Amino acid sequence: MIIYNVTVSVEESIKTDWLNWMKTEHIPEVMAAAVFTKAQINRVIVQGDSNNTFAITYTCPSMKDLHQYQVNFAAELQQKHLARYGDKAVAFRTIMEVIEEF
């Protein structure tokens, strides 16, 4: 199983709008690609942080599935995010492979 993690640092001035847009538009569009089996929004908790950093995790069965998303859907969806929020929501992405669950 592969976890595609998008960590986003969001300015306070757009936090409410950003969370709403992620829940009602962006994540549903990502899930409509029919690659991921699950999505989750998490708040990153760091002492002294503004509580405006979020980790959105998407789960898919394999690297092949993730690659399909990256080739066919990622650029357009990332561009929509950039066009709407610019540098007020800065993202970076990581990929993790689940080795074992307990």
C-alpha atoms as a PDB file:
ATOM      1  CA  MET A   1       0.000   0.000   0.000  1.00  0.00           C
ATOM      2  CA  ILE A   2       1.241   3.494  -0.864  1.00  0.00           C
ATOM      3  CA  ILE A   3       0.528   6.694   1.040  1.00  0.00           C
ATOM      4  CA  TYR A   4       0.837   9.922  -0.927  1.00  0.00           C
ATOM      5  CA  ASN A   5       1.212  12.721   1.600  1.00  0.00           C
ATOM      6  CA  VAL A   6       0.738  16.400   0.770  1.00  0.00           C
ATOM      7  CA  THR A   7       1.815  18.718   3.582  1.00  0.00           C
ATOM      8  CA  VAL A   8       0.519  22.263   3.241  1.00  0.00           C
ATOM      9  CA  SER A   9       1.392  25.334   5.286  1.00  0.00           C
ATOM     10  CA  VAL A  10      -1.580  27.707   5.079  1.00  0.00           C
ATOM     11  CA  GLU A  11      -1.692  31.393   5.976  1.00  0.00           C
ATOM     12  CA  GLU A  12      -4.150  32.210   8.758  1.00  0.00           C
ATOM     13  CA  SER A  13      -6.076  34.615   6.495  1.00  0.00           C
ATOM     14  CA  ILE A  14      -7.181  31.792   4.157  1.00  0.00           C
ATOM     15  CA  LYS A  15      -7.328  28.828   6.543  1.00  0.00           C
ATOM     16  CA  THR A  16     -11.132  28.563   6.783  1.00  0.00           C
ATOM     17  CA  ASP A  17     -11.652  29.006   3.042  1.00  0.00           C
ATOM     18  CA  TRP A  18      -8.811  26.584   2.248  1.00  0.00           C
ATOM     19  CA  LEU A  19     -10.151  23.839   4.530  1.00  0.00           C
ATOM     20  CA  ASN A  20     -13.641  24.221   3.086  1.00  0.00           C
ATOM     21  CA  TRP A  21     -12.323  24.147  -0.503  1.00  0.00           C
ATOM     22  CA  MET A  22     -10.207  21.075   0.234  1.00  0.00           C
ATOM     23  CA  LYS A  23     -13.198  19.229   1.723  1.00  0.00           C
ATOM     24  CA  THR A  24     -15.797  20.224  -0.855  1.00  0.00           C
ATOM     25  CA  GLU A  25     -13.814  20.557  -4.089  1.00  0.00           C
ATOM     26  CA  HIS A  26     -10.175  19.528  -4.192  1.00  0.00           C
ATOM     27  CA  ILE A  27     -10.195  16.216  -2.333  1.00  0.00           C
ATOM     28  CA  PRO A  28     -13.403  15.081  -4.104  1.00  0.00           C
ATOM     29  CA  GLU A  29     -11.700  15.880  -7.445  1.00  0.00           C
ATOM     30  CA  VAL A  30      -8.609  13.893  -6.449  1.00  0.00           C
ATOM     31  CA  MET A  31     -10.775  10.968  -5.357  1.00  0.00           C
ATOM     32  CA  ALA A  32     -12.744  11.149  -8.627  1.00  0.00           C
ATOM     33  CA  ALA A  33      -9.556  10.095 -10.416  1.00  0.00           C
ATOM     34  CA  ALA A  34     -10.400   6.618  -9.042  1.00  0.00           C
ATOM     35  CA  VAL A  35      -6.800   5.938  -8.037  1.00  0.00           C
ATOM     36  CA  PHE A  36      -6.942   6.392  -4.281  1.00  0.00           C
ATOM     37  CA  THR A  37      -8.975   4.272  -1.882  1.00  0.00           C
ATOM     38  CA  LYS A  38      -8.941   6.721   1.032  1.00  0.00           C
ATOM     39  CA  ALA A  39      -8.148  10.351   1.834  1.00  0.00           C
ATOM     40  CA  GLN A  40      -7.592  11.980   5.199  1.00  0.00           C
ATOM     41  CA  ILE A  41      -6.979  15.550   6.408  1.00  0.00           C
ATOM     42  CA  ASN A  42      -4.650  15.833   9.390  1.00  0.00           C
ATOM     43  CA  ARG A  43      -3.392  18.845  11.304  1.00  0.00           C
ATOM     44  CA  VAL A  44       0.356  18.792  11.953  1.00  0.00           C
ATOM     45  CA  ILE A  45       1.020  19.552  15.606  1.00  0.00           C
ATOM     46  CA  VAL A  46       4.335  21.267  16.301  1.00  0.00           C
ATOM     47  CA  GLN A  47       5.119  23.189  19.459  1.00  0.00           C
ATOM     48  CA  GLY A  48       5.202  26.899  18.669  1.00  0.00           C
ATOM     49  CA  ASP A  49       3.557  26.404  15.262  1.00  0.00           C
ATOM     50  CA  SER A  50       0.542  28.448  14.181  1.00  0.00           C
ATOM     51  CA  ASN A  51      -1.637  25.306  13.797  1.00  0.00           C
ATOM     52  CA  ASN A  52      -1.927  26.109  10.094  1.00  0.00           C
ATOM     53  CA  THR A  53      -0.003  23.134   8.725  1.00  0.00           C
ATOM     54  CA  PHE A  54      -1.987  20.223   7.383  1.00  0.00           C
ATOM     55  CA  ALA A  55      -1.077  16.806   5.997  1.00  0.00           C
ATOM     56  CA  ILE A  56      -3.496  15.350   3.479  1.00  0.00           C
ATOM     57  CA  THR A  57      -2.903  11.645   2.974  1.00  0.00           C
ATOM     58  CA  TYR A  58      -4.159   9.650   0.031  1.00  0.00           C
ATOM     59  CA  THR A  59      -3.885   5.858   0.018  1.00  0.00           C
ATOM     60  CA  CYS A  60      -3.578   3.690  -3.089  1.00  0.00           C
ATOM     61  CA  PRO A  61      -2.710   0.040  -3.701  1.00  0.00           C
ATOM     62  CA  SER A  62       0.600   0.435  -5.580  1.00  0.00           C
ATOM     63  CA  MET A  63       3.259   2.736  -7.016  1.00  0.00           C
ATOM     64  CA  LYS A  64       1.793   1.963 -10.437  1.00  0.00           C
ATOM     65  CA  ASP A  65      -1.521   3.463  -9.291  1.00  0.00           C
ATOM     66  CA  LEU A  66       0.211   6.542  -7.862  1.00  0.00           C
ATOM     67  CA  HIS A  67       2.168   6.977 -11.094  1.00  0.00           C
ATOM     68  CA  GLN A  68      -1.113   6.872 -13.035  1.00  0.00           C
ATOM     69  CA  TYR A  69      -2.408   9.728 -10.861  1.00  0.00           C
ATOM     70  CA  GLN A  70       0.798  11.722 -11.234  1.00  0.00           C
ATOM     71  CA  VAL A  71       0.846  11.387 -15.026  1.00  0.00           C
ATOM     72  CA  ASN A  72      -2.853  11.899 -15.725  1.00  0.00           C
ATOM     73  CA  PHE A  73      -4.244  14.156 -12.985  1.00  0.00           C
ATOM     74  CA  ALA A  74      -1.708  15.726 -10.607  1.00  0.00           C
ATOM     75  CA  ALA A  75      -0.501  18.680 -12.682  1.00  0.00           C
ATOM     76  CA  GLU A  76      -3.998  20.003 -13.415  1.00  0.00           C
ATOM     77  CA  LEU A  77      -5.193  19.635  -9.827  1.00  0.00           C
ATOM     78  CA  GLN A  78      -2.033  21.196  -8.395  1.00  0.00           C
ATOM     79  CA  GLN A  79      -2.424  24.102 -10.827  1.00  0.00           C
ATOM     80  CA  LYS A  80      -5.979  24.730  -9.582  1.00  0.00           C
ATOM     81  CA  HIS A  81      -4.645  24.884  -6.023  1.00  0.00           C
ATOM     82  CA  LEU A  82      -1.858  27.263  -7.029  1.00  0.00           C
ATOM     83  CA  ALA A  83      -4.221  29.495  -9.025  1.00  0.00           C
ATOM     84  CA  ARG A  84      -6.616  29.792  -6.095  1.00  0.00           C
ATOM     85  CA  TYR A  85      -4.142  30.275  -3.227  1.00  0.00           C
ATOM     86  CA  GLY A  86      -0.747  31.147  -4.727  1.00  0.00           C
ATOM     87  CA  ASP A  87       1.965  31.384  -2.099  1.00  0.00           C
ATOM     88  CA  LYS A  88      -0.565  31.598   0.750  1.00  0.00           C
ATOM     89  CA  ALA A  89      -0.680  27.785   0.806  1.00  0.00           C
ATOM     90  CA  VAL A  90       2.714  26.175   0.248  1.00  0.00           C
ATOM     91  CA  ALA A  91       2.778  22.414  -0.320  1.00  0.00           C
ATOM     92  CA  PHE A  92       5.358  19.660  -0.454  1.00  0.00           C
ATOM     93  CA  ARG A  93       4.773  16.013  -1.210  1.00  0.00           C
ATOM     94  CA  THR A  94       6.156  12.746   0.141  1.00  0.00           C
ATOM     95  CA  ILE A  95       5.498   9.126  -0.745  1.00  0.00           C
ATOM     96  CA  MET A  96       5.488   6.352   1.829  1.00  0.00           C
ATOM     97  CA  GLU A  97       5.128   2.605   1.478  1.00  0.00           C
ATOM     98  CA  VAL A  98       3.272   0.734   4.195  1.00  0.00           C
ATOM     99  CA  ILE A  99       5.443  -2.190   5.232  1.00  0.00           C
ATOM    100  CA  GLU A 100       3.151  -3.665   7.859  1.00  0.00           C
ATOM    101  CA  GLU A 101       0.167  -2.635   9.924  1.00  0.00           C
ATOM    102  CA  PHE A 102      -0.363  -3.716  13.539  1.00  0.00           C
END
